[in-house]
Amino acid sequence: MLKALETLGSEDAVGRVRLSRVLGLGEGMTRTLVRHLREEGLVEISRSGVFLSEFGRRVFSELRSRIGGEAVVPGSPLTVGSSNLAVLVRGVGGGVRLGVEERDAAIRVGALGATTLVFRGGRLTVPGVDPDALQNTTPVLDLLRSGLRPAENDAIVVGSADDRHTAELGAKAAALRLLRSKER
């Protein structure tokens, strides 16, 4: 859903076939997704295609303010796939327990897994993991810190898969899960 909102938020109107290609979904699944987005008041449909409603633009803007940049991550002990993509999620570090919930959200959309890191005290940590165990991941942690520039209490989710598209979906599904848990 987030990828659909991002796609629709970056263009005036998008045809279903193009949206289908961008999302990596069949046309039937895309029609169902568009129907759900319309029922939620997030999109409108015209002859020129699907576009965000006023409410959809507000929701997209809020999501964009909470989910920051992206960074391609090389394989490391922090990742489980050949393709890895990280996203920054602002202000949700307090909602991360052990990262299992985020991993499960990534797996539900087809990713191999996800690793959740929290920025506290000027360093990235993996909840429940001894910081000394992360010594051989310093280059990756430095890349994430410099590329995404997390602030105190931000989280970074690294989605892992066999391809970039699925790694991105995994990371963003996990990011949405963190945002939902923050609302509760």
N, C-alpha and C. Protein backbone atom coordinates (compact mmCIF):
# COMPACT_ATOMS: atom_id res chain seq x y z
N MET A 1 0.82 -1.18 0.00
CA MET A 1 0.00 0.00 0.00
C MET A 1 0.87 1.25 0.00
N LEU A 2 1.94 1.23 0.81
CA LEU A 2 2.83 2.39 0.86
C LEU A 2 3.47 2.65 -0.50
N LYS A 3 3.90 1.60 -1.16
CA LYS A 3 4.51 1.76 -2.48
C LYS A 3 3.48 2.33 -3.47
N ALA A 4 2.23 1.92 -3.35
CA ALA A 4 1.19 2.47 -4.22
C ALA A 4 1.00 3.96 -3.94
N LEU A 5 0.95 4.34 -2.67
CA LEU A 5 0.80 5.76 -2.31
C LEU A 5 2.00 6.57 -2.80
N GLU A 6 3.21 6.01 -2.67
CA GLU A 6 4.40 6.71 -3.15
C GLU A 6 4.33 6.92 -4.66
N THR A 7 3.92 5.90 -5.37
CA THR A 7 3.82 6.00 -6.83
C THR A 7 2.78 7.03 -7.22
N LEU A 8 1.62 6.97 -6.58
CA LEU A 8 0.55 7.91 -6.90
C LEU A 8 0.89 9.33 -6.44
N GLY A 9 1.65 9.44 -5.37
CA GLY A 9 2.03 10.75 -4.86
C GLY A 9 3.07 11.45 -5.70
N SER A 10 3.77 10.70 -6.54
CA SER A 10 4.83 11.30 -7.35
C SER A 10 4.36 11.68 -8.75
N GLU A 11 3.12 11.35 -9.10
CA GLU A 11 2.59 11.64 -10.43
C GLU A 11 1.16 12.13 -10.32
N ASP A 12 0.69 12.78 -11.39
CA ASP A 12 -0.68 13.29 -11.39
C ASP A 12 -1.71 12.17 -11.40
N ALA A 13 -1.58 11.26 -12.32
CA ALA A 13 -2.49 10.12 -12.43
C ALA A 13 -1.71 8.96 -13.02
N VAL A 14 -2.03 7.77 -12.55
CA VAL A 14 -1.32 6.57 -13.00
C VAL A 14 -2.36 5.55 -13.45
N GLY A 15 -2.14 4.98 -14.63
CA GLY A 15 -3.01 3.93 -15.12
C GLY A 15 -2.81 2.65 -14.32
N ARG A 16 -3.82 1.82 -14.29
CA ARG A 16 -3.74 0.57 -13.51
C ARG A 16 -2.65 -0.37 -14.02
N VAL A 17 -2.47 -0.43 -15.33
CA VAL A 17 -1.46 -1.32 -15.89
C VAL A 17 -0.07 -0.88 -15.44
N ARG A 18 0.20 0.41 -15.51
CA ARG A 18 1.50 0.93 -15.06
C ARG A 18 1.67 0.71 -13.56
N LEU A 19 0.63 0.99 -12.79
CA LEU A 19 0.68 0.78 -11.34
C LEU A 19 0.96 -0.69 -11.04
N SER A 20 0.35 -1.55 -11.77
CA SER A 20 0.54 -2.98 -11.63
C SER A 20 2.01 -3.35 -11.83
N ARG A 21 2.63 -2.79 -12.88
CA ARG A 21 4.04 -3.05 -13.16
C ARG A 21 4.94 -2.53 -12.06
N VAL A 22 4.69 -1.30 -11.62
CA VAL A 22 5.52 -0.69 -10.56
C VAL A 22 5.43 -1.49 -9.26
N LEU A 23 4.24 -1.96 -8.93
CA LEU A 23 4.04 -2.68 -7.67
C LEU A 23 4.43 -4.15 -7.78
N GLY A 24 4.60 -4.64 -8.99
CA GLY A 24 4.93 -6.05 -9.15
C GLY A 24 3.76 -6.96 -8.84
N LEU A 25 2.55 -6.45 -9.09
CA LEU A 25 1.33 -7.22 -8.83
C LEU A 25 0.61 -7.50 -10.14
N GLY A 26 -0.21 -8.53 -10.14
CA GLY A 26 -1.07 -8.79 -11.28
C GLY A 26 -2.15 -7.72 -11.37
N GLU A 27 -2.76 -7.60 -12.52
CA GLU A 27 -3.78 -6.57 -12.70
C GLU A 27 -4.98 -6.77 -11.78
N GLY A 28 -5.35 -8.02 -11.51
CA GLY A 28 -6.47 -8.30 -10.60
C GLY A 28 -6.16 -7.83 -9.19
N MET A 29 -4.96 -8.12 -8.71
CA MET A 29 -4.56 -7.68 -7.36
C MET A 29 -4.49 -6.16 -7.31
N THR A 30 -4.01 -5.55 -8.39
CA THR A 30 -3.93 -4.09 -8.43
C THR A 30 -5.33 -3.48 -8.38
N ARG A 31 -6.28 -4.07 -9.13
CA ARG A 31 -7.67 -3.58 -9.08
C ARG A 31 -8.22 -3.67 -7.66
N THR A 32 -7.94 -4.78 -6.98
CA THR A 32 -8.41 -4.95 -5.60
C THR A 32 -7.78 -3.91 -4.68
N LEU A 33 -6.47 -3.69 -4.84
CA LEU A 33 -5.78 -2.69 -4.02
C LEU A 33 -6.37 -1.30 -4.26
N VAL A 34 -6.58 -0.95 -5.53
CA VAL A 34 -7.15 0.36 -5.86
C VAL A 34 -8.55 0.50 -5.27
N ARG A 35 -9.33 -0.59 -5.34
CA ARG A 35 -10.68 -0.55 -4.75
C ARG A 35 -10.61 -0.27 -3.25
N HIS A 36 -9.68 -0.94 -2.55
CA HIS A 36 -9.53 -0.72 -1.11
C HIS A 36 -9.07 0.71 -0.83
N LEU A 37 -8.14 1.21 -1.62
CA LEU A 37 -7.67 2.59 -1.43
C LEU A 37 -8.80 3.58 -1.66
N ARG A 38 -9.65 3.29 -2.65
CA ARG A 38 -10.79 4.17 -2.91
C ARG A 38 -11.81 4.10 -1.77
N GLU A 39 -12.07 2.90 -1.27
CA GLU A 39 -13.01 2.75 -0.15
C GLU A 39 -12.53 3.49 1.09
N GLU A 40 -11.21 3.61 1.25
CA GLU A 40 -10.64 4.34 2.39
C GLU A 40 -10.57 5.84 2.12
N GLY A 41 -10.96 6.24 0.92
CA GLY A 41 -10.96 7.67 0.57
C GLY A 41 -9.59 8.20 0.20
N LEU A 42 -8.64 7.31 -0.08
CA LEU A 42 -7.27 7.74 -0.37
C LEU A 42 -7.04 8.07 -1.84
N VAL A 43 -7.82 7.46 -2.73
CA VAL A 43 -7.64 7.72 -4.17
C VAL A 43 -8.97 8.00 -4.83
N GLU A 44 -8.86 8.60 -6.00
CA GLU A 44 -9.99 8.80 -6.89
C GLU A 44 -9.61 8.23 -8.24
N ILE A 45 -10.59 7.94 -9.05
CA ILE A 45 -10.33 7.34 -10.36
C ILE A 45 -11.00 8.19 -11.43
N SER A 46 -10.26 8.44 -12.48
CA SER A 46 -10.81 9.17 -13.63
C SER A 46 -10.37 8.47 -14.91
N ARG A 47 -10.74 9.02 -16.04
CA ARG A 47 -10.32 8.45 -17.32
C ARG A 47 -8.81 8.44 -17.47
N SER A 48 -8.14 9.43 -16.83
CA SER A 48 -6.68 9.52 -16.97
C SER A 48 -5.95 8.57 -16.02
N GLY A 49 -6.66 7.94 -15.10
CA GLY A 49 -6.04 6.98 -14.21
C GLY A 49 -6.43 7.17 -12.76
N VAL A 50 -5.60 6.61 -11.91
CA VAL A 50 -5.82 6.66 -10.45
C VAL A 50 -4.96 7.80 -9.91
N PHE A 51 -5.51 8.58 -8.98
CA PHE A 51 -4.74 9.67 -8.38
C PHE A 51 -5.15 9.82 -6.92
N LEU A 52 -4.26 10.43 -6.13
CA LEU A 52 -4.54 10.63 -4.72
C LEU A 52 -5.64 11.66 -4.53
N SER A 53 -6.56 11.37 -3.62
CA SER A 53 -7.58 12.34 -3.23
C SER A 53 -6.92 13.37 -2.31
N GLU A 54 -7.64 14.38 -1.94
CA GLU A 54 -7.11 15.37 -0.99
C GLU A 54 -6.70 14.67 0.31
N PHE A 55 -7.56 13.79 0.81
CA PHE A 55 -7.24 13.02 2.02
C PHE A 55 -6.01 12.15 1.78
N GLY A 56 -5.93 11.52 0.63
CA GLY A 56 -4.79 10.68 0.28
C GLY A 56 -3.49 11.48 0.26
N ARG A 57 -3.55 12.72 -0.24
CA ARG A 57 -2.35 13.57 -0.25
C ARG A 57 -1.92 13.91 1.18
N ARG A 58 -2.89 14.15 2.07
CA ARG A 58 -2.54 14.44 3.47
C ARG A 58 -1.91 13.22 4.14
N VAL A 59 -2.49 12.04 3.89
CA VAL A 59 -1.94 10.79 4.46
C VAL A 59 -0.55 10.55 3.91
N PHE A 60 -0.38 10.71 2.60
CA PHE A 60 0.92 10.51 1.97
C PHE A 60 1.96 11.48 2.54
N SER A 61 1.56 12.72 2.73
CA SER A 61 2.47 13.72 3.29
C SER A 61 2.91 13.33 4.71
N GLU A 62 1.96 12.85 5.51
CA GLU A 62 2.28 12.41 6.87
C GLU A 62 3.23 11.21 6.85
N LEU A 63 2.96 10.25 5.98
CA LEU A 63 3.84 9.08 5.87
C LEU A 63 5.24 9.51 5.43
N ARG A 64 5.29 10.40 4.48
CA ARG A 64 6.59 10.87 3.97
C ARG A 64 7.38 11.59 5.06
N SER A 65 6.69 12.28 5.96
CA SER A 65 7.39 12.97 7.05
C SER A 65 7.91 11.98 8.10
N ARG A 66 7.31 10.81 8.18
CA ARG A 66 7.72 9.81 9.17
C ARG A 66 8.68 8.77 8.63
N ILE A 67 8.55 8.45 7.35
CA ILE A 67 9.45 7.47 6.74
C ILE A 67 10.42 8.23 5.86
N GLY A 68 11.70 8.23 6.30
CA GLY A 68 12.72 9.05 5.64
C GLY A 68 13.33 8.37 4.44
N GLY A 69 14.59 8.60 4.25
CA GLY A 69 15.30 8.11 3.09
C GLY A 69 15.45 6.61 3.02
N GLU A 70 16.06 6.18 1.92
CA GLU A 70 16.34 4.77 1.68
C GLU A 70 17.83 4.62 1.40
N ALA A 71 18.36 3.45 1.69
CA ALA A 71 19.75 3.17 1.38
C ALA A 71 19.90 1.69 1.02
N VAL A 72 20.62 1.43 -0.05
CA VAL A 72 20.96 0.05 -0.41
C VAL A 72 22.04 -0.39 0.56
N VAL A 73 21.88 -1.60 1.09
CA VAL A 73 22.78 -2.11 2.11
C VAL A 73 23.48 -3.36 1.56
N PRO A 74 24.82 -3.40 1.67
CA PRO A 74 25.51 -4.62 1.21
C PRO A 74 25.23 -5.78 2.16
N GLY A 75 25.44 -6.98 1.67
CA GLY A 75 25.29 -8.15 2.51
C GLY A 75 26.23 -8.07 3.71
N SER A 76 25.74 -8.50 4.86
CA SER A 76 26.53 -8.46 6.09
C SER A 76 25.87 -9.39 7.10
N PRO A 77 26.46 -9.54 8.28
CA PRO A 77 25.80 -10.35 9.30
C PRO A 77 24.44 -9.79 9.75
N LEU A 78 24.14 -8.54 9.37
CA LEU A 78 22.85 -7.93 9.72
C LEU A 78 21.74 -8.31 8.75
N THR A 79 22.10 -8.89 7.60
CA THR A 79 21.11 -9.14 6.55
C THR A 79 21.00 -10.63 6.25
N VAL A 80 19.90 -11.01 5.61
CA VAL A 80 19.68 -12.42 5.29
C VAL A 80 19.45 -12.67 3.81
N GLY A 81 19.49 -11.63 2.99
CA GLY A 81 19.23 -11.81 1.57
C GLY A 81 20.36 -11.24 0.72
N SER A 82 20.30 -11.52 -0.56
CA SER A 82 21.31 -10.99 -1.47
C SER A 82 21.02 -9.54 -1.83
N SER A 83 19.79 -9.09 -1.63
CA SER A 83 19.41 -7.71 -1.88
C SER A 83 18.81 -7.14 -0.60
N ASN A 84 19.32 -5.97 -0.20
CA ASN A 84 18.90 -5.39 1.09
C ASN A 84 18.68 -3.90 0.93
N LEU A 85 17.58 -3.42 1.48
CA LEU A 85 17.25 -2.01 1.40
C LEU A 85 16.82 -1.52 2.78
N ALA A 86 17.37 -0.40 3.21
CA ALA A 86 17.06 0.17 4.51
C ALA A 86 16.18 1.40 4.36
N VAL A 87 15.24 1.58 5.29
CA VAL A 87 14.44 2.81 5.37
C VAL A 87 14.51 3.35 6.79
N LEU A 88 14.49 4.66 6.89
CA LEU A 88 14.50 5.35 8.16
C LEU A 88 13.07 5.61 8.60
N VAL A 89 12.76 5.31 9.86
CA VAL A 89 11.44 5.57 10.41
C VAL A 89 11.63 6.47 11.63
N ARG A 90 11.13 7.69 11.54
CA ARG A 90 11.40 8.70 12.56
C ARG A 90 10.57 8.52 13.83
N GLY A 91 11.26 8.61 14.97
CA GLY A 91 10.61 8.69 16.27
C GLY A 91 9.91 7.45 16.78
N VAL A 92 10.25 6.27 16.28
CA VAL A 92 9.54 5.06 16.69
C VAL A 92 10.42 4.07 17.46
N GLY A 93 11.64 4.47 17.80
CA GLY A 93 12.56 3.56 18.47
C GLY A 93 12.02 2.96 19.75
N GLY A 94 11.21 3.72 20.48
CA GLY A 94 10.62 3.22 21.72
C GLY A 94 9.63 2.09 21.50
N GLY A 95 9.12 1.95 20.27
CA GLY A 95 8.16 0.90 19.97
C GLY A 95 8.78 -0.40 19.50
N VAL A 96 10.11 -0.42 19.38
CA VAL A 96 10.80 -1.63 18.92
C VAL A 96 11.10 -2.50 20.12
N ARG A 97 10.63 -3.74 20.08
CA ARG A 97 10.97 -4.69 21.16
C ARG A 97 12.24 -5.43 20.77
N LEU A 98 12.09 -6.49 20.05
CA LEU A 98 13.25 -7.26 19.59
C LEU A 98 13.36 -7.29 18.06
N GLY A 99 12.44 -6.62 17.38
CA GLY A 99 12.45 -6.59 15.93
C GLY A 99 11.73 -7.76 15.28
N VAL A 100 11.20 -8.67 16.08
CA VAL A 100 10.53 -9.85 15.54
C VAL A 100 9.26 -9.45 14.80
N GLU A 101 8.52 -8.50 15.34
CA GLU A 101 7.27 -8.06 14.71
C GLU A 101 7.55 -7.45 13.33
N GLU A 102 8.62 -6.68 13.24
CA GLU A 102 8.97 -6.06 11.96
C GLU A 102 9.45 -7.13 10.96
N ARG A 103 10.23 -8.08 11.45
CA ARG A 103 10.67 -9.19 10.60
C ARG A 103 9.46 -9.93 10.03
N ASP A 104 8.48 -10.21 10.90
CA ASP A 104 7.29 -10.92 10.46
C ASP A 104 6.50 -10.13 9.42
N ALA A 105 6.42 -8.80 9.60
CA ALA A 105 5.71 -7.96 8.62
C ALA A 105 6.40 -8.04 7.26
N ALA A 106 7.72 -8.06 7.26
CA ALA A 106 8.48 -8.16 6.01
C ALA A 106 8.25 -9.52 5.35
N ILE A 107 8.26 -10.56 6.14
CA ILE A 107 8.07 -11.91 5.60
C ILE A 107 6.67 -12.06 5.00
N ARG A 108 5.67 -11.43 5.61
CA ARG A 108 4.30 -11.53 5.09
C ARG A 108 4.15 -10.97 3.68
N VAL A 109 5.04 -10.04 3.29
CA VAL A 109 4.96 -9.49 1.92
C VAL A 109 5.96 -10.15 0.98
N GLY A 110 6.59 -11.24 1.42
CA GLY A 110 7.47 -12.00 0.55
C GLY A 110 8.96 -11.82 0.76
N ALA A 111 9.37 -10.93 1.65
CA ALA A 111 10.80 -10.75 1.93
C ALA A 111 11.32 -11.94 2.73
N LEU A 112 12.62 -12.08 2.76
CA LEU A 112 13.23 -13.14 3.56
C LEU A 112 13.30 -12.76 5.03
N GLY A 113 13.26 -11.47 5.31
CA GLY A 113 13.31 -11.01 6.68
C GLY A 113 13.59 -9.52 6.75
N ALA A 114 13.77 -9.02 7.97
CA ALA A 114 14.11 -7.62 8.19
C ALA A 114 14.88 -7.52 9.49
N THR A 115 15.80 -6.58 9.52
CA THR A 115 16.56 -6.28 10.72
C THR A 115 16.21 -4.87 11.14
N THR A 116 15.87 -4.70 12.41
CA THR A 116 15.49 -3.38 12.91
C THR A 116 16.58 -2.88 13.85
N LEU A 117 17.05 -1.68 13.58
CA LEU A 117 18.06 -1.02 14.41
C LEU A 117 17.44 0.23 15.02
N VAL A 118 17.90 0.59 16.20
CA VAL A 118 17.41 1.80 16.88
C VAL A 118 18.60 2.70 17.15
N PHE A 119 18.42 4.00 16.91
CA PHE A 119 19.49 4.97 17.17
C PHE A 119 19.28 5.58 18.56
N ARG A 120 20.20 5.23 19.45
CA ARG A 120 20.15 5.76 20.83
C ARG A 120 21.55 6.08 21.29
N GLY A 121 21.68 7.21 21.97
CA GLY A 121 22.97 7.57 22.52
C GLY A 121 24.05 7.71 21.47
N GLY A 122 23.67 8.14 20.28
CA GLY A 122 24.64 8.37 19.23
C GLY A 122 25.11 7.13 18.48
N ARG A 123 24.45 6.00 18.72
CA ARG A 123 24.86 4.78 18.00
C ARG A 123 23.67 3.93 17.61
N LEU A 124 23.86 3.15 16.57
CA LEU A 124 22.84 2.21 16.13
C LEU A 124 22.99 0.90 16.89
N THR A 125 21.88 0.41 17.40
CA THR A 125 21.89 -0.85 18.14
C THR A 125 20.79 -1.75 17.60
N VAL A 126 20.98 -3.04 17.80
CA VAL A 126 19.95 -4.01 17.49
C VAL A 126 19.37 -4.44 18.83
N PRO A 127 18.09 -4.14 19.08
CA PRO A 127 17.51 -4.48 20.38
C PRO A 127 17.69 -5.96 20.71
N GLY A 128 18.11 -6.22 21.93
CA GLY A 128 18.28 -7.59 22.39
C GLY A 128 19.60 -8.23 22.00
N VAL A 129 20.45 -7.47 21.29
CA VAL A 129 21.75 -8.01 20.86
C VAL A 129 22.86 -7.25 21.57
N ASP A 130 23.81 -7.97 22.10
CA ASP A 130 24.96 -7.35 22.77
C ASP A 130 25.70 -6.46 21.76
N PRO A 131 25.94 -5.18 22.09
CA PRO A 131 26.62 -4.27 21.16
C PRO A 131 27.97 -4.80 20.69
N ASP A 132 28.66 -5.57 21.51
CA ASP A 132 29.95 -6.13 21.10
C ASP A 132 29.80 -7.10 19.94
N ALA A 133 28.64 -7.72 19.82
CA ALA A 133 28.40 -8.67 18.73
C ALA A 133 28.32 -7.98 17.37
N LEU A 134 28.18 -6.66 17.38
CA LEU A 134 28.04 -5.90 16.13
C LEU A 134 29.37 -5.34 15.63
N GLN A 135 30.48 -5.69 16.27
CA GLN A 135 31.77 -5.11 15.91
C GLN A 135 32.13 -5.31 14.43
N ASN A 136 31.85 -6.46 13.88
CA ASN A 136 32.22 -6.71 12.49
C ASN A 136 31.20 -6.13 11.50
N THR A 137 30.25 -5.38 11.97
CA THR A 137 29.27 -4.73 11.09
C THR A 137 29.49 -3.22 11.03
N THR A 138 30.59 -2.75 11.59
CA THR A 138 30.85 -1.31 11.66
C THR A 138 30.74 -0.61 10.30
N PRO A 139 31.29 -1.15 9.21
CA PRO A 139 31.15 -0.44 7.92
C PRO A 139 29.69 -0.27 7.50
N VAL A 140 28.87 -1.27 7.74
CA VAL A 140 27.45 -1.17 7.38
C VAL A 140 26.75 -0.16 8.29
N LEU A 141 27.03 -0.20 9.57
CA LEU A 141 26.42 0.76 10.50
C LEU A 141 26.84 2.18 10.16
N ASP A 142 28.11 2.38 9.77
CA ASP A 142 28.58 3.70 9.36
C ASP A 142 27.86 4.17 8.10
N LEU A 143 27.66 3.25 7.15
CA LEU A 143 26.95 3.57 5.92
C LEU A 143 25.52 4.01 6.24
N LEU A 144 24.85 3.29 7.13
CA LEU A 144 23.47 3.64 7.50
C LEU A 144 23.42 4.99 8.22
N ARG A 145 24.35 5.21 9.13
CA ARG A 145 24.38 6.48 9.87
C ARG A 145 24.61 7.66 8.93
N SER A 146 25.58 7.53 8.03
CA SER A 146 25.89 8.65 7.15
C SER A 146 24.84 8.81 6.05
N GLY A 147 24.30 7.72 5.54
CA GLY A 147 23.33 7.80 4.45
C GLY A 147 21.94 8.22 4.88
N LEU A 148 21.51 7.77 6.06
CA LEU A 148 20.13 8.05 6.51
C LEU A 148 20.05 9.11 7.60
N ARG A 149 21.16 9.40 8.24
CA ARG A 149 21.26 10.41 9.30
C ARG A 149 20.14 10.31 10.34
N PRO A 150 20.09 9.19 11.06
CA PRO A 150 19.05 9.05 12.09
C PRO A 150 19.28 10.01 13.25
N ALA A 151 18.19 10.38 13.90
CA ALA A 151 18.22 11.19 15.12
C ALA A 151 17.86 10.27 16.29
N GLU A 152 18.04 10.78 17.47
CA GLU A 152 17.71 10.00 18.67
C GLU A 152 16.30 9.42 18.58
N ASN A 153 16.18 8.14 18.88
CA ASN A 153 14.92 7.40 18.91
C ASN A 153 14.34 7.07 17.53
N ASP A 154 15.13 7.25 16.48
CA ASP A 154 14.70 6.81 15.16
C ASP A 154 15.02 5.33 15.01
N ALA A 155 14.33 4.68 14.10
CA ALA A 155 14.63 3.28 13.78
C ALA A 155 15.00 3.19 12.31
N ILE A 156 15.82 2.20 12.01
CA ILE A 156 16.15 1.88 10.62
C ILE A 156 15.78 0.42 10.42
N VAL A 157 14.99 0.16 9.39
CA VAL A 157 14.60 -1.21 9.07
C VAL A 157 15.28 -1.60 7.76
N VAL A 158 15.97 -2.73 7.79
CA VAL A 158 16.63 -3.25 6.60
C VAL A 158 15.84 -4.47 6.13
N GLY A 159 15.18 -4.32 4.99
CA GLY A 159 14.46 -5.44 4.40
C GLY A 159 15.41 -6.26 3.55
N SER A 160 15.31 -7.58 3.63
CA SER A 160 16.19 -8.48 2.88
C SER A 160 15.36 -9.42 2.01
N ALA A 161 15.84 -9.62 0.78
CA ALA A 161 15.15 -10.53 -0.14
C ALA A 161 16.14 -10.94 -1.22
N ASP A 162 15.64 -11.68 -2.19
CA ASP A 162 16.48 -12.08 -3.32
C ASP A 162 16.48 -11.04 -4.43
N ASP A 163 15.61 -10.03 -4.33
CA ASP A 163 15.58 -8.96 -5.32
C ASP A 163 15.26 -7.64 -4.62
N ARG A 164 15.65 -6.54 -5.25
CA ARG A 164 15.52 -5.22 -4.63
C ARG A 164 14.05 -4.85 -4.37
N HIS A 165 13.19 -5.15 -5.31
CA HIS A 165 11.77 -4.80 -5.18
C HIS A 165 11.17 -5.43 -3.91
N THR A 166 11.42 -6.71 -3.71
CA THR A 166 10.86 -7.40 -2.54
C THR A 166 11.54 -6.93 -1.26
N ALA A 167 12.83 -6.62 -1.33
CA ALA A 167 13.52 -6.07 -0.16
C ALA A 167 12.90 -4.74 0.24
N GLU A 168 12.57 -3.91 -0.75
CA GLU A 168 11.93 -2.62 -0.49
C GLU A 168 10.54 -2.83 0.12
N LEU A 169 9.76 -3.74 -0.45
CA LEU A 169 8.43 -4.01 0.10
C LEU A 169 8.53 -4.49 1.56
N GLY A 170 9.51 -5.36 1.83
CA GLY A 170 9.70 -5.86 3.19
C GLY A 170 10.05 -4.75 4.16
N ALA A 171 10.98 -3.89 3.76
CA ALA A 171 11.39 -2.78 4.63
C ALA A 171 10.22 -1.84 4.90
N LYS A 172 9.44 -1.54 3.87
CA LYS A 172 8.33 -0.60 4.03
C LYS A 172 7.16 -1.22 4.79
N ALA A 173 6.92 -2.51 4.62
CA ALA A 173 5.88 -3.18 5.42
C ALA A 173 6.27 -3.14 6.90
N ALA A 174 7.54 -3.37 7.18
CA ALA A 174 8.03 -3.32 8.57
C ALA A 174 7.94 -1.89 9.11
N ALA A 175 8.25 -0.90 8.26
CA ALA A 175 8.16 0.50 8.68
C ALA A 175 6.72 0.87 9.03
N LEU A 176 5.77 0.44 8.20
CA LEU A 176 4.36 0.70 8.49
C LEU A 176 3.93 0.03 9.78
N ARG A 177 4.42 -1.16 10.02
CA ARG A 177 4.11 -1.86 11.26
C ARG A 177 4.60 -1.06 12.47
N LEU A 178 5.79 -0.49 12.36
CA LEU A 178 6.32 0.35 13.44
C LEU A 178 5.45 1.59 13.65
N LEU A 179 5.03 2.22 12.58
CA LEU A 179 4.18 3.40 12.70
C LEU A 179 2.84 3.05 13.34
N ARG A 180 2.27 1.91 12.97
CA ARG A 180 0.99 1.49 13.58
C ARG A 180 1.17 1.21 15.06
N SER A 181 2.28 0.59 15.43
CA SER A 181 2.49 0.28 16.85
C SER A 181 2.70 1.56 17.66
N LYS A 182 3.26 2.58 17.02
CA LYS A 182 3.47 3.89 17.68
C LYS A 182 2.14 4.56 17.97
N GLU A 183 1.14 4.33 17.10
CA GLU A 183 -0.19 4.95 17.26
C GLU A 183 -0.94 4.37 18.46
N ARG A 184 -0.64 3.14 18.80
CA ARG A 184 -1.40 2.48 19.87
C ARG A 184 -1.01 2.94 21.24
